mmCIF file of all heavy atoms, coordinates in Angstrom:
data_MODEL
# 
_entry.id   MODEL 
# 
loop_
_atom_site.group_PDB 
_atom_site.id 
_atom_site.type_symbol 
_atom_site.label_atom_id 
_atom_site.label_alt_id 
_atom_site.label_comp_id 
_atom_site.label_asym_id 
_atom_site.label_entity_id 
_atom_site.label_seq_id 
_atom_site.pdbx_PDB_ins_code 
_atom_site.Cartn_x 
_atom_site.Cartn_y 
_atom_site.Cartn_z 
_atom_site.occupancy 
_atom_site.B_iso_or_equiv 
_atom_site.pdbx_formal_charge 
_atom_site.auth_seq_id 
_atom_site.auth_comp_id 
_atom_site.auth_asym_id 
_atom_site.auth_atom_id 
_atom_site.pdbx_PDB_model_num 
ATOM 1   N N   . THR A 1 1  ? 0.647   -0.448  6.245   1.00 0.00 ? 1  THR A N   1 
ATOM 2   C CA  . THR A 1 1  ? 1.238   -0.920  7.489   1.00 0.00 ? 1  THR A CA  1 
ATOM 3   C C   . THR A 1 1  ? 1.652   -2.374  7.351   1.00 0.00 ? 1  THR A C   1 
ATOM 4   O O   . THR A 1 1  ? 1.241   -3.074  6.419   1.00 0.00 ? 1  THR A O   1 
ATOM 5   C CB  . THR A 1 1  ? 0.266   -0.782  8.664   1.00 0.00 ? 1  THR A CB  1 
ATOM 6   O OG1 . THR A 1 1  ? -0.761  -1.788  8.556   1.00 0.00 ? 1  THR A OG1 1 
ATOM 7   C CG2 . THR A 1 1  ? -0.387  0.594   8.685   1.00 0.00 ? 1  THR A CG2 1 
ATOM 8   N N   . ASN A 1 2  ? 2.438   -2.842  8.308   1.00 0.00 ? 2  ASN A N   1 
ATOM 9   C CA  . ASN A 1 2  ? 2.852   -4.232  8.254   1.00 0.00 ? 2  ASN A CA  1 
ATOM 10  C C   . ASN A 1 2  ? 1.721   -5.197  8.585   1.00 0.00 ? 2  ASN A C   1 
ATOM 11  O O   . ASN A 1 2  ? 1.908   -6.412  8.487   1.00 0.00 ? 2  ASN A O   1 
ATOM 12  C CB  . ASN A 1 2  ? 4.080   -4.481  9.146   1.00 0.00 ? 2  ASN A CB  1 
ATOM 13  C CG  . ASN A 1 2  ? 3.835   -4.161  10.607  1.00 0.00 ? 2  ASN A CG  1 
ATOM 14  O OD1 . ASN A 1 2  ? 2.700   -3.961  11.035  1.00 0.00 ? 2  ASN A OD1 1 
ATOM 15  N ND2 . ASN A 1 2  ? 4.906   -4.114  11.384  1.00 0.00 ? 2  ASN A ND2 1 
ATOM 16  N N   . ALA A 1 3  ? 0.569   -4.681  8.994   1.00 0.00 ? 3  ALA A N   1 
ATOM 17  C CA  . ALA A 1 3  ? -0.628  -5.487  9.157   1.00 0.00 ? 3  ALA A CA  1 
ATOM 18  C C   . ALA A 1 3  ? -1.475  -5.523  7.894   1.00 0.00 ? 3  ALA A C   1 
ATOM 19  O O   . ALA A 1 3  ? -2.515  -6.184  7.877   1.00 0.00 ? 3  ALA A O   1 
ATOM 20  C CB  . ALA A 1 3  ? -1.463  -4.972  10.327  1.00 0.00 ? 3  ALA A CB  1 
ATOM 21  N N   . GLY A 1 4  ? -1.060  -4.805  6.867   1.00 0.00 ? 4  GLY A N   1 
ATOM 22  C CA  . GLY A 1 4  ? -1.746  -4.844  5.591   1.00 0.00 ? 4  GLY A CA  1 
ATOM 23  C C   . GLY A 1 4  ? -2.778  -3.758  5.374   1.00 0.00 ? 4  GLY A C   1 
ATOM 24  O O   . GLY A 1 4  ? -3.481  -3.783  4.358   1.00 0.00 ? 4  GLY A O   1 
ATOM 25  N N   . PHE A 1 5  ? -2.889  -2.802  6.290   1.00 0.00 ? 5  PHE A N   1 
ATOM 26  C CA  . PHE A 1 5  ? -3.852  -1.722  6.129   1.00 0.00 ? 5  PHE A CA  1 
ATOM 27  C C   . PHE A 1 5  ? -3.273  -0.634  5.250   1.00 0.00 ? 5  PHE A C   1 
ATOM 28  O O   . PHE A 1 5  ? -2.162  -0.153  5.497   1.00 0.00 ? 5  PHE A O   1 
ATOM 29  C CB  . PHE A 1 5  ? -4.258  -1.159  7.484   1.00 0.00 ? 5  PHE A CB  1 
ATOM 30  C CG  . PHE A 1 5  ? -4.995  -2.143  8.339   1.00 0.00 ? 5  PHE A CG  1 
ATOM 31  C CD1 . PHE A 1 5  ? -4.360  -2.804  9.372   1.00 0.00 ? 5  PHE A CD1 1 
ATOM 32  C CD2 . PHE A 1 5  ? -6.333  -2.406  8.109   1.00 0.00 ? 5  PHE A CD2 1 
ATOM 33  C CE1 . PHE A 1 5  ? -5.033  -3.716  10.162  1.00 0.00 ? 5  PHE A CE1 1 
ATOM 34  C CE2 . PHE A 1 5  ? -7.025  -3.319  8.894   1.00 0.00 ? 5  PHE A CE2 1 
ATOM 35  C CZ  . PHE A 1 5  ? -6.372  -3.978  9.920   1.00 0.00 ? 5  PHE A CZ  1 
ATOM 36  N N   . ALA A 1 6  ? -4.028  -0.244  4.263   1.00 0.00 ? 6  ALA A N   1 
ATOM 37  C CA  . ALA A 1 6  ? -3.581  0.736   3.288   1.00 0.00 ? 6  ALA A CA  1 
ATOM 38  C C   . ALA A 1 6  ? -4.437  1.988   3.342   1.00 0.00 ? 6  ALA A C   1 
ATOM 39  O O   . ALA A 1 6  ? -5.640  1.931   3.610   1.00 0.00 ? 6  ALA A O   1 
ATOM 40  C CB  . ALA A 1 6  ? -3.625  0.143   1.877   1.00 0.00 ? 6  ALA A CB  1 
ATOM 41  N N   . ASN A 1 7  ? -3.808  3.111   3.079   1.00 0.00 ? 7  ASN A N   1 
ATOM 42  C CA  . ASN A 1 7  ? -4.496  4.388   2.968   1.00 0.00 ? 7  ASN A CA  1 
ATOM 43  C C   . ASN A 1 7  ? -3.961  5.134   1.760   1.00 0.00 ? 7  ASN A C   1 
ATOM 44  O O   . ASN A 1 7  ? -2.786  4.993   1.402   1.00 0.00 ? 7  ASN A O   1 
ATOM 45  C CB  . ASN A 1 7  ? -4.309  5.234   4.229   1.00 0.00 ? 7  ASN A CB  1 
ATOM 46  C CG  . ASN A 1 7  ? -5.063  4.690   5.419   1.00 0.00 ? 7  ASN A CG  1 
ATOM 47  O OD1 . ASN A 1 7  ? -6.280  4.848   5.519   1.00 0.00 ? 7  ASN A OD1 1 
ATOM 48  N ND2 . ASN A 1 7  ? -4.350  4.030   6.325   1.00 0.00 ? 7  ASN A ND2 1 
ATOM 49  N N   . TYR A 1 8  ? -4.832  5.952   1.169   1.00 0.00 ? 8  TYR A N   1 
ATOM 50  C CA  . TYR A 1 8  ? -4.496  6.645   -0.065  1.00 0.00 ? 8  TYR A CA  1 
ATOM 51  C C   . TYR A 1 8  ? -4.878  8.102   0.011   1.00 0.00 ? 8  TYR A C   1 
ATOM 52  O O   . TYR A 1 8  ? -5.864  8.478   0.651   1.00 0.00 ? 8  TYR A O   1 
ATOM 53  C CB  . TYR A 1 8  ? -5.229  6.023   -1.254  1.00 0.00 ? 8  TYR A CB  1 
ATOM 54  C CG  . TYR A 1 8  ? -4.926  4.570   -1.474  1.00 0.00 ? 8  TYR A CG  1 
ATOM 55  C CD1 . TYR A 1 8  ? -5.690  3.580   -0.878  1.00 0.00 ? 8  TYR A CD1 1 
ATOM 56  C CD2 . TYR A 1 8  ? -3.861  4.180   -2.289  1.00 0.00 ? 8  TYR A CD2 1 
ATOM 57  C CE1 . TYR A 1 8  ? -5.415  2.236   -1.075  1.00 0.00 ? 8  TYR A CE1 1 
ATOM 58  C CE2 . TYR A 1 8  ? -3.578  2.842   -2.489  1.00 0.00 ? 8  TYR A CE2 1 
ATOM 59  C CZ  . TYR A 1 8  ? -4.359  1.876   -1.878  1.00 0.00 ? 8  TYR A CZ  1 
ATOM 60  O OH  . TYR A 1 8  ? -4.070  0.543   -2.090  1.00 0.00 ? 8  TYR A OH  1 
ATOM 61  N N   . ALA A 1 9  ? -4.104  8.918   -0.674  1.00 0.00 ? 9  ALA A N   1 
ATOM 62  C CA  . ALA A 1 9  ? -4.517  10.289  -0.891  1.00 0.00 ? 9  ALA A CA  1 
ATOM 63  C C   . ALA A 1 9  ? -5.769  10.303  -1.758  1.00 0.00 ? 9  ALA A C   1 
ATOM 64  O O   . ALA A 1 9  ? -5.963  9.433   -2.611  1.00 0.00 ? 9  ALA A O   1 
ATOM 65  C CB  . ALA A 1 9  ? -3.402  11.083  -1.563  1.00 0.00 ? 9  ALA A CB  1 
ATOM 66  N N   . ASP A 1 10 ? -6.620  11.296  -1.544  1.00 0.00 ? 10 ASP A N   1 
ATOM 67  C CA  . ASP A 1 10 ? -7.876  11.360  -2.284  1.00 0.00 ? 10 ASP A CA  1 
ATOM 68  C C   . ASP A 1 10 ? -7.655  11.393  -3.792  1.00 0.00 ? 10 ASP A C   1 
ATOM 69  O O   . ASP A 1 10 ? -8.459  10.840  -4.553  1.00 0.00 ? 10 ASP A O   1 
ATOM 70  C CB  . ASP A 1 10 ? -8.687  12.584  -1.853  1.00 0.00 ? 10 ASP A CB  1 
ATOM 71  C CG  . ASP A 1 10 ? -9.304  12.423  -0.478  1.00 0.00 ? 10 ASP A CG  1 
ATOM 72  O OD1 . ASP A 1 10 ? -9.413  11.281  0.006   1.00 0.00 ? 10 ASP A OD1 1 
ATOM 73  O OD2 . ASP A 1 10 ? -9.685  13.449  0.112   1.00 0.00 ? 10 ASP A OD2 1 
ATOM 74  N N   . PHE A 1 11 ? -6.594  12.017  -4.223  1.00 0.00 ? 11 PHE A N   1 
ATOM 75  C CA  . PHE A 1 11 ? -6.395  12.194  -5.654  1.00 0.00 ? 11 PHE A CA  1 
ATOM 76  C C   . PHE A 1 11 ? -5.940  10.930  -6.370  1.00 0.00 ? 11 PHE A C   1 
ATOM 77  O O   . PHE A 1 11 ? -5.841  10.933  -7.602  1.00 0.00 ? 11 PHE A O   1 
ATOM 78  C CB  . PHE A 1 11 ? -5.415  13.353  -5.927  1.00 0.00 ? 11 PHE A CB  1 
ATOM 79  C CG  . PHE A 1 11 ? -4.113  13.275  -5.192  1.00 0.00 ? 11 PHE A CG  1 
ATOM 80  C CD1 . PHE A 1 11 ? -3.080  12.482  -5.650  1.00 0.00 ? 11 PHE A CD1 1 
ATOM 81  C CD2 . PHE A 1 11 ? -3.918  14.024  -4.040  1.00 0.00 ? 11 PHE A CD2 1 
ATOM 82  C CE1 . PHE A 1 11 ? -1.878  12.411  -4.978  1.00 0.00 ? 11 PHE A CE1 1 
ATOM 83  C CE2 . PHE A 1 11 ? -2.708  13.964  -3.351  1.00 0.00 ? 11 PHE A CE2 1 
ATOM 84  C CZ  . PHE A 1 11 ? -1.691  13.158  -3.822  1.00 0.00 ? 11 PHE A CZ  1 
ATOM 85  N N   . VAL A 1 12 ? -5.692  9.847   -5.637  1.00 0.00 ? 12 VAL A N   1 
ATOM 86  C CA  . VAL A 1 12 ? -5.326  8.587   -6.285  1.00 0.00 ? 12 VAL A CA  1 
ATOM 87  C C   . VAL A 1 12 ? -6.277  7.448   -5.948  1.00 0.00 ? 12 VAL A C   1 
ATOM 88  O O   . VAL A 1 12 ? -6.130  6.350   -6.500  1.00 0.00 ? 12 VAL A O   1 
ATOM 89  C CB  . VAL A 1 12 ? -3.880  8.162   -5.961  1.00 0.00 ? 12 VAL A CB  1 
ATOM 90  C CG1 . VAL A 1 12 ? -2.905  9.256   -6.344  1.00 0.00 ? 12 VAL A CG1 1 
ATOM 91  C CG2 . VAL A 1 12 ? -3.740  7.776   -4.492  1.00 0.00 ? 12 VAL A CG2 1 
ATOM 92  N N   . LYS A 1 13 ? -7.252  7.686   -5.084  1.00 0.00 ? 13 LYS A N   1 
ATOM 93  C CA  . LYS A 1 13 ? -8.183  6.628   -4.711  1.00 0.00 ? 13 LYS A CA  1 
ATOM 94  C C   . LYS A 1 13 ? -8.908  6.085   -5.934  1.00 0.00 ? 13 LYS A C   1 
ATOM 95  O O   . LYS A 1 13 ? -9.394  6.831   -6.770  1.00 0.00 ? 13 LYS A O   1 
ATOM 96  C CB  . LYS A 1 13 ? -9.197  7.141   -3.691  1.00 0.00 ? 13 LYS A CB  1 
ATOM 97  C CG  . LYS A 1 13 ? -8.653  7.255   -2.288  1.00 0.00 ? 13 LYS A CG  1 
ATOM 98  C CD  . LYS A 1 13 ? -9.734  7.698   -1.312  1.00 0.00 ? 13 LYS A CD  1 
ATOM 99  C CE  . LYS A 1 13 ? -9.190  7.750   0.097   1.00 0.00 ? 13 LYS A CE  1 
ATOM 100 N NZ  . LYS A 1 13 ? -10.206 8.221   1.063   1.00 0.00 ? 13 LYS A NZ  1 
ATOM 101 N N   . GLY A 1 14 ? -8.969  4.773   -6.014  1.00 0.00 ? 14 GLY A N   1 
ATOM 102 C CA  . GLY A 1 14 ? -9.608  4.124   -7.144  1.00 0.00 ? 14 GLY A CA  1 
ATOM 103 C C   . GLY A 1 14 ? -8.706  3.928   -8.333  1.00 0.00 ? 14 GLY A C   1 
ATOM 104 O O   . GLY A 1 14 ? -9.088  3.211   -9.266  1.00 0.00 ? 14 GLY A O   1 
ATOM 105 N N   . ARG A 1 15 ? -7.537  4.546   -8.325  1.00 0.00 ? 15 ARG A N   1 
ATOM 106 C CA  . ARG A 1 15 ? -6.603  4.422   -9.443  1.00 0.00 ? 15 ARG A CA  1 
ATOM 107 C C   . ARG A 1 15 ? -5.303  3.718   -9.060  1.00 0.00 ? 15 ARG A C   1 
ATOM 108 O O   . ARG A 1 15 ? -4.733  2.999   -9.880  1.00 0.00 ? 15 ARG A O   1 
ATOM 109 C CB  . ARG A 1 15 ? -6.264  5.800   -10.015 1.00 0.00 ? 15 ARG A CB  1 
ATOM 110 C CG  . ARG A 1 15 ? -7.471  6.565   -10.538 1.00 0.00 ? 15 ARG A CG  1 
ATOM 111 C CD  . ARG A 1 15 ? -7.040  7.810   -11.307 1.00 0.00 ? 15 ARG A CD  1 
ATOM 112 N NE  . ARG A 1 15 ? -6.337  8.765   -10.443 1.00 0.00 ? 15 ARG A NE  1 
ATOM 113 C CZ  . ARG A 1 15 ? -5.093  9.205   -10.666 1.00 0.00 ? 15 ARG A CZ  1 
ATOM 114 N NH1 . ARG A 1 15 ? -4.412  8.790   -11.721 1.00 0.00 ? 15 ARG A NH1 1 
ATOM 115 N NH2 . ARG A 1 15 ? -4.545  10.082  -9.832  1.00 0.00 ? 15 ARG A NH2 1 
ATOM 116 N N   . PHE A 1 16 ? -4.838  3.945   -7.838  1.00 0.00 ? 16 PHE A N   1 
ATOM 117 C CA  . PHE A 1 16 ? -3.569  3.383   -7.390  1.00 0.00 ? 16 PHE A CA  1 
ATOM 118 C C   . PHE A 1 16 ? -3.817  2.316   -6.336  1.00 0.00 ? 16 PHE A C   1 
ATOM 119 O O   . PHE A 1 16 ? -4.766  2.407   -5.550  1.00 0.00 ? 16 PHE A O   1 
ATOM 120 C CB  . PHE A 1 16 ? -2.669  4.457   -6.769  1.00 0.00 ? 16 PHE A CB  1 
ATOM 121 C CG  . PHE A 1 16 ? -2.141  5.488   -7.724  1.00 0.00 ? 16 PHE A CG  1 
ATOM 122 C CD1 . PHE A 1 16 ? -2.588  5.574   -9.033  1.00 0.00 ? 16 PHE A CD1 1 
ATOM 123 C CD2 . PHE A 1 16 ? -1.169  6.385   -7.297  1.00 0.00 ? 16 PHE A CD2 1 
ATOM 124 C CE1 . PHE A 1 16 ? -2.096  6.533   -9.903  1.00 0.00 ? 16 PHE A CE1 1 
ATOM 125 C CE2 . PHE A 1 16 ? -0.668  7.349   -8.152  1.00 0.00 ? 16 PHE A CE2 1 
ATOM 126 C CZ  . PHE A 1 16 ? -1.127  7.422   -9.453  1.00 0.00 ? 16 PHE A CZ  1 
ATOM 127 N N   . THR A 1 17 ? -2.951  1.323   -6.296  1.00 0.00 ? 17 THR A N   1 
ATOM 128 C CA  . THR A 1 17 ? -3.009  0.276   -5.290  1.00 0.00 ? 17 THR A CA  1 
ATOM 129 C C   . THR A 1 17 ? -1.616  0.036   -4.735  1.00 0.00 ? 17 THR A C   1 
ATOM 130 O O   . THR A 1 17 ? -0.670  -0.209  -5.491  1.00 0.00 ? 17 THR A O   1 
ATOM 131 C CB  . THR A 1 17 ? -3.564  -1.034  -5.871  1.00 0.00 ? 17 THR A CB  1 
ATOM 132 O OG1 . THR A 1 17 ? -4.866  -0.810  -6.421  1.00 0.00 ? 17 THR A OG1 1 
ATOM 133 C CG2 . THR A 1 17 ? -3.666  -2.090  -4.776  1.00 0.00 ? 17 THR A CG2 1 
ATOM 134 N N   . ILE A 1 18 ? -1.493  0.104   -3.412  1.00 0.00 ? 18 ILE A N   1 
ATOM 135 C CA  . ILE A 1 18 ? -0.225  -0.163  -2.757  1.00 0.00 ? 18 ILE A CA  1 
ATOM 136 C C   . ILE A 1 18 ? -0.252  -1.579  -2.187  1.00 0.00 ? 18 ILE A C   1 
ATOM 137 O O   . ILE A 1 18 ? -1.278  -2.040  -1.690  1.00 0.00 ? 18 ILE A O   1 
ATOM 138 C CB  . ILE A 1 18 ? 0.068   0.877   -1.652  1.00 0.00 ? 18 ILE A CB  1 
ATOM 139 C CG1 . ILE A 1 18 ? 1.485   0.709   -1.097  1.00 0.00 ? 18 ILE A CG1 1 
ATOM 140 C CG2 . ILE A 1 18 ? -0.971  0.822   -0.543  1.00 0.00 ? 18 ILE A CG2 1 
ATOM 141 C CD1 . ILE A 1 18 ? 1.912   1.839   -0.167  1.00 0.00 ? 18 ILE A CD1 1 
ATOM 142 N N   . SER A 1 19 ? 0.860   -2.261  -2.268  1.00 0.00 ? 19 SER A N   1 
ATOM 143 C CA  . SER A 1 19 ? 0.997   -3.581  -1.685  1.00 0.00 ? 19 SER A CA  1 
ATOM 144 C C   . SER A 1 19 ? 2.405   -3.723  -1.128  1.00 0.00 ? 19 SER A C   1 
ATOM 145 O O   . SER A 1 19 ? 3.344   -3.094  -1.624  1.00 0.00 ? 19 SER A O   1 
ATOM 146 C CB  . SER A 1 19 ? 0.695   -4.686  -2.702  1.00 0.00 ? 19 SER A CB  1 
ATOM 147 O OG  . SER A 1 19 ? 1.572   -4.607  -3.815  1.00 0.00 ? 19 SER A OG  1 
ATOM 148 N N   . GLY A 1 20 ? 2.540   -4.538  -0.104  1.00 0.00 ? 20 GLY A N   1 
ATOM 149 C CA  . GLY A 1 20 ? 3.832   -4.694  0.522   1.00 0.00 ? 20 GLY A CA  1 
ATOM 150 C C   . GLY A 1 20 ? 4.075   -6.098  1.004   1.00 0.00 ? 20 GLY A C   1 
ATOM 151 O O   . GLY A 1 20 ? 3.142   -6.844  1.298   1.00 0.00 ? 20 GLY A O   1 
ATOM 152 N N   . ASP A 1 21 ? 5.326   -6.448  1.047   1.00 0.00 ? 21 ASP A N   1 
ATOM 153 C CA  . ASP A 1 21 ? 5.779   -7.691  1.640   1.00 0.00 ? 21 ASP A CA  1 
ATOM 154 C C   . ASP A 1 21 ? 6.824   -7.289  2.665   1.00 0.00 ? 21 ASP A C   1 
ATOM 155 O O   . ASP A 1 21 ? 7.990   -7.068  2.332   1.00 0.00 ? 21 ASP A O   1 
ATOM 156 C CB  . ASP A 1 21 ? 6.348   -8.638  0.588   1.00 0.00 ? 21 ASP A CB  1 
ATOM 157 C CG  . ASP A 1 21 ? 6.691   -10.003 1.157   1.00 0.00 ? 21 ASP A CG  1 
ATOM 158 O OD1 . ASP A 1 21 ? 6.963   -10.097 2.370   1.00 0.00 ? 21 ASP A OD1 1 
ATOM 159 O OD2 . ASP A 1 21 ? 6.688   -10.978 0.391   1.00 0.00 ? 21 ASP A OD2 1 
ATOM 160 N N   . PHE A 1 22 ? 6.400   -7.190  3.915   1.00 0.00 ? 22 PHE A N   1 
ATOM 161 C CA  . PHE A 1 22 ? 7.284   -6.643  4.943   1.00 0.00 ? 22 PHE A CA  1 
ATOM 162 C C   . PHE A 1 22 ? 8.380   -7.624  5.331   1.00 0.00 ? 22 PHE A C   1 
ATOM 163 O O   . PHE A 1 22 ? 9.434   -7.204  5.804   1.00 0.00 ? 22 PHE A O   1 
ATOM 164 C CB  . PHE A 1 22 ? 6.472   -6.187  6.149   1.00 0.00 ? 22 PHE A CB  1 
ATOM 165 C CG  . PHE A 1 22 ? 5.759   -4.900  5.915   1.00 0.00 ? 22 PHE A CG  1 
ATOM 166 C CD1 . PHE A 1 22 ? 4.542   -4.869  5.255   1.00 0.00 ? 22 PHE A CD1 1 
ATOM 167 C CD2 . PHE A 1 22 ? 6.318   -3.697  6.323   1.00 0.00 ? 22 PHE A CD2 1 
ATOM 168 C CE1 . PHE A 1 22 ? 3.890   -3.677  5.018   1.00 0.00 ? 22 PHE A CE1 1 
ATOM 169 C CE2 . PHE A 1 22 ? 5.671   -2.504  6.099   1.00 0.00 ? 22 PHE A CE2 1 
ATOM 170 C CZ  . PHE A 1 22 ? 4.456   -2.491  5.442   1.00 0.00 ? 22 PHE A CZ  1 
ATOM 171 N N   . ALA A 1 23 ? 8.141   -8.921  5.142   1.00 0.00 ? 23 ALA A N   1 
ATOM 172 C CA  . ALA A 1 23 ? 9.201   -9.889  5.391   1.00 0.00 ? 23 ALA A CA  1 
ATOM 173 C C   . ALA A 1 23 ? 10.328  -9.718  4.389   1.00 0.00 ? 23 ALA A C   1 
ATOM 174 O O   . ALA A 1 23 ? 11.506  -9.844  4.735   1.00 0.00 ? 23 ALA A O   1 
ATOM 175 C CB  . ALA A 1 23 ? 8.642   -11.308 5.345   1.00 0.00 ? 23 ALA A CB  1 
ATOM 176 N N   . LYS A 1 24 ? 9.970   -9.427  3.143   1.00 0.00 ? 24 LYS A N   1 
ATOM 177 C CA  . LYS A 1 24 ? 10.965  -9.188  2.110   1.00 0.00 ? 24 LYS A CA  1 
ATOM 178 C C   . LYS A 1 24 ? 11.394  -7.730  2.034   1.00 0.00 ? 24 LYS A C   1 
ATOM 179 O O   . LYS A 1 24 ? 12.310  -7.408  1.269   1.00 0.00 ? 24 LYS A O   1 
ATOM 180 C CB  . LYS A 1 24 ? 10.430  -9.637  0.754   1.00 0.00 ? 24 LYS A CB  1 
ATOM 181 C CG  . LYS A 1 24 ? 10.175  -11.127 0.651   1.00 0.00 ? 24 LYS A CG  1 
ATOM 182 C CD  . LYS A 1 24 ? 9.678   -11.500 -0.737  1.00 0.00 ? 24 LYS A CD  1 
ATOM 183 C CE  . LYS A 1 24 ? 9.467   -12.994 -0.856  1.00 0.00 ? 24 LYS A CE  1 
ATOM 184 N NZ  . LYS A 1 24 ? 8.961   -13.361 -2.212  1.00 0.00 ? 24 LYS A NZ  1 
ATOM 185 N N   . LYS A 1 25 ? 10.729  -6.877  2.785   1.00 0.00 ? 25 LYS A N   1 
ATOM 186 C CA  . LYS A 1 25 ? 11.050  -5.445  2.833   1.00 0.00 ? 25 LYS A CA  1 
ATOM 187 C C   . LYS A 1 25 ? 10.906  -4.809  1.455   1.00 0.00 ? 25 LYS A C   1 
ATOM 188 O O   . LYS A 1 25 ? 11.795  -4.097  0.979   1.00 0.00 ? 25 LYS A O   1 
ATOM 189 C CB  . LYS A 1 25 ? 12.444  -5.214  3.415   1.00 0.00 ? 25 LYS A CB  1 
ATOM 190 C CG  . LYS A 1 25 ? 12.612  -5.766  4.820   1.00 0.00 ? 25 LYS A CG  1 
ATOM 191 C CD  . LYS A 1 25 ? 14.021  -5.565  5.335   1.00 0.00 ? 25 LYS A CD  1 
ATOM 192 C CE  . LYS A 1 25 ? 14.177  -6.066  6.767   1.00 0.00 ? 25 LYS A CE  1 
ATOM 193 N NZ  . LYS A 1 25 ? 13.993  -7.531  6.861   1.00 0.00 ? 25 LYS A NZ  1 
ATOM 194 N N   . THR A 1 26 ? 9.775   -5.090  0.831   1.00 0.00 ? 26 THR A N   1 
ATOM 195 C CA  . THR A 1 26 ? 9.467   -4.509  -0.459  1.00 0.00 ? 26 THR A CA  1 
ATOM 196 C C   . THR A 1 26 ? 8.071   -3.898  -0.435  1.00 0.00 ? 26 THR A C   1 
ATOM 197 O O   . THR A 1 26 ? 7.212   -4.299  0.343   1.00 0.00 ? 26 THR A O   1 
ATOM 198 C CB  . THR A 1 26 ? 9.531   -5.552  -1.583  1.00 0.00 ? 26 THR A CB  1 
ATOM 199 O OG1 . THR A 1 26 ? 8.547   -6.568  -1.356  1.00 0.00 ? 26 THR A OG1 1 
ATOM 200 C CG2 . THR A 1 26 ? 10.907  -6.195  -1.651  1.00 0.00 ? 26 THR A CG2 1 
ATOM 201 N N   . VAL A 1 27 ? 7.863   -2.935  -1.295  1.00 0.00 ? 27 VAL A N   1 
ATOM 202 C CA  . VAL A 1 27 ? 6.565   -2.307  -1.459  1.00 0.00 ? 27 VAL A CA  1 
ATOM 203 C C   . VAL A 1 27 ? 6.405   -1.940  -2.925  1.00 0.00 ? 27 VAL A C   1 
ATOM 204 O O   . VAL A 1 27 ? 7.389   -1.595  -3.595  1.00 0.00 ? 27 VAL A O   1 
ATOM 205 C CB  . VAL A 1 27 ? 6.410   -1.070  -0.544  1.00 0.00 ? 27 VAL A CB  1 
ATOM 206 C CG1 . VAL A 1 27 ? 7.412   0.014   -0.910  1.00 0.00 ? 27 VAL A CG1 1 
ATOM 207 C CG2 . VAL A 1 27 ? 4.985   -0.539  -0.574  1.00 0.00 ? 27 VAL A CG2 1 
ATOM 208 N N   . SER A 1 28 ? 5.168   -2.031  -3.408  1.00 0.00 ? 28 SER A N   1 
ATOM 209 C CA  . SER A 1 28 ? 4.879   -1.717  -4.794  1.00 0.00 ? 28 SER A CA  1 
ATOM 210 C C   . SER A 1 28 ? 3.722   -0.740  -4.866  1.00 0.00 ? 28 SER A C   1 
ATOM 211 O O   . SER A 1 28 ? 2.917   -0.636  -3.943  1.00 0.00 ? 28 SER A O   1 
ATOM 212 C CB  . SER A 1 28 ? 4.533   -2.983  -5.584  1.00 0.00 ? 28 SER A CB  1 
ATOM 213 O OG  . SER A 1 28 ? 5.620   -3.877  -5.632  1.00 0.00 ? 28 SER A OG  1 
# 
């Protein structure tokens, strides 16, 4: 979310990390 809260599917927890810069409209 644009507040920085992240959620993951169970099959990627602990392996994947999502990050975003909503001002720049990017996500990784």
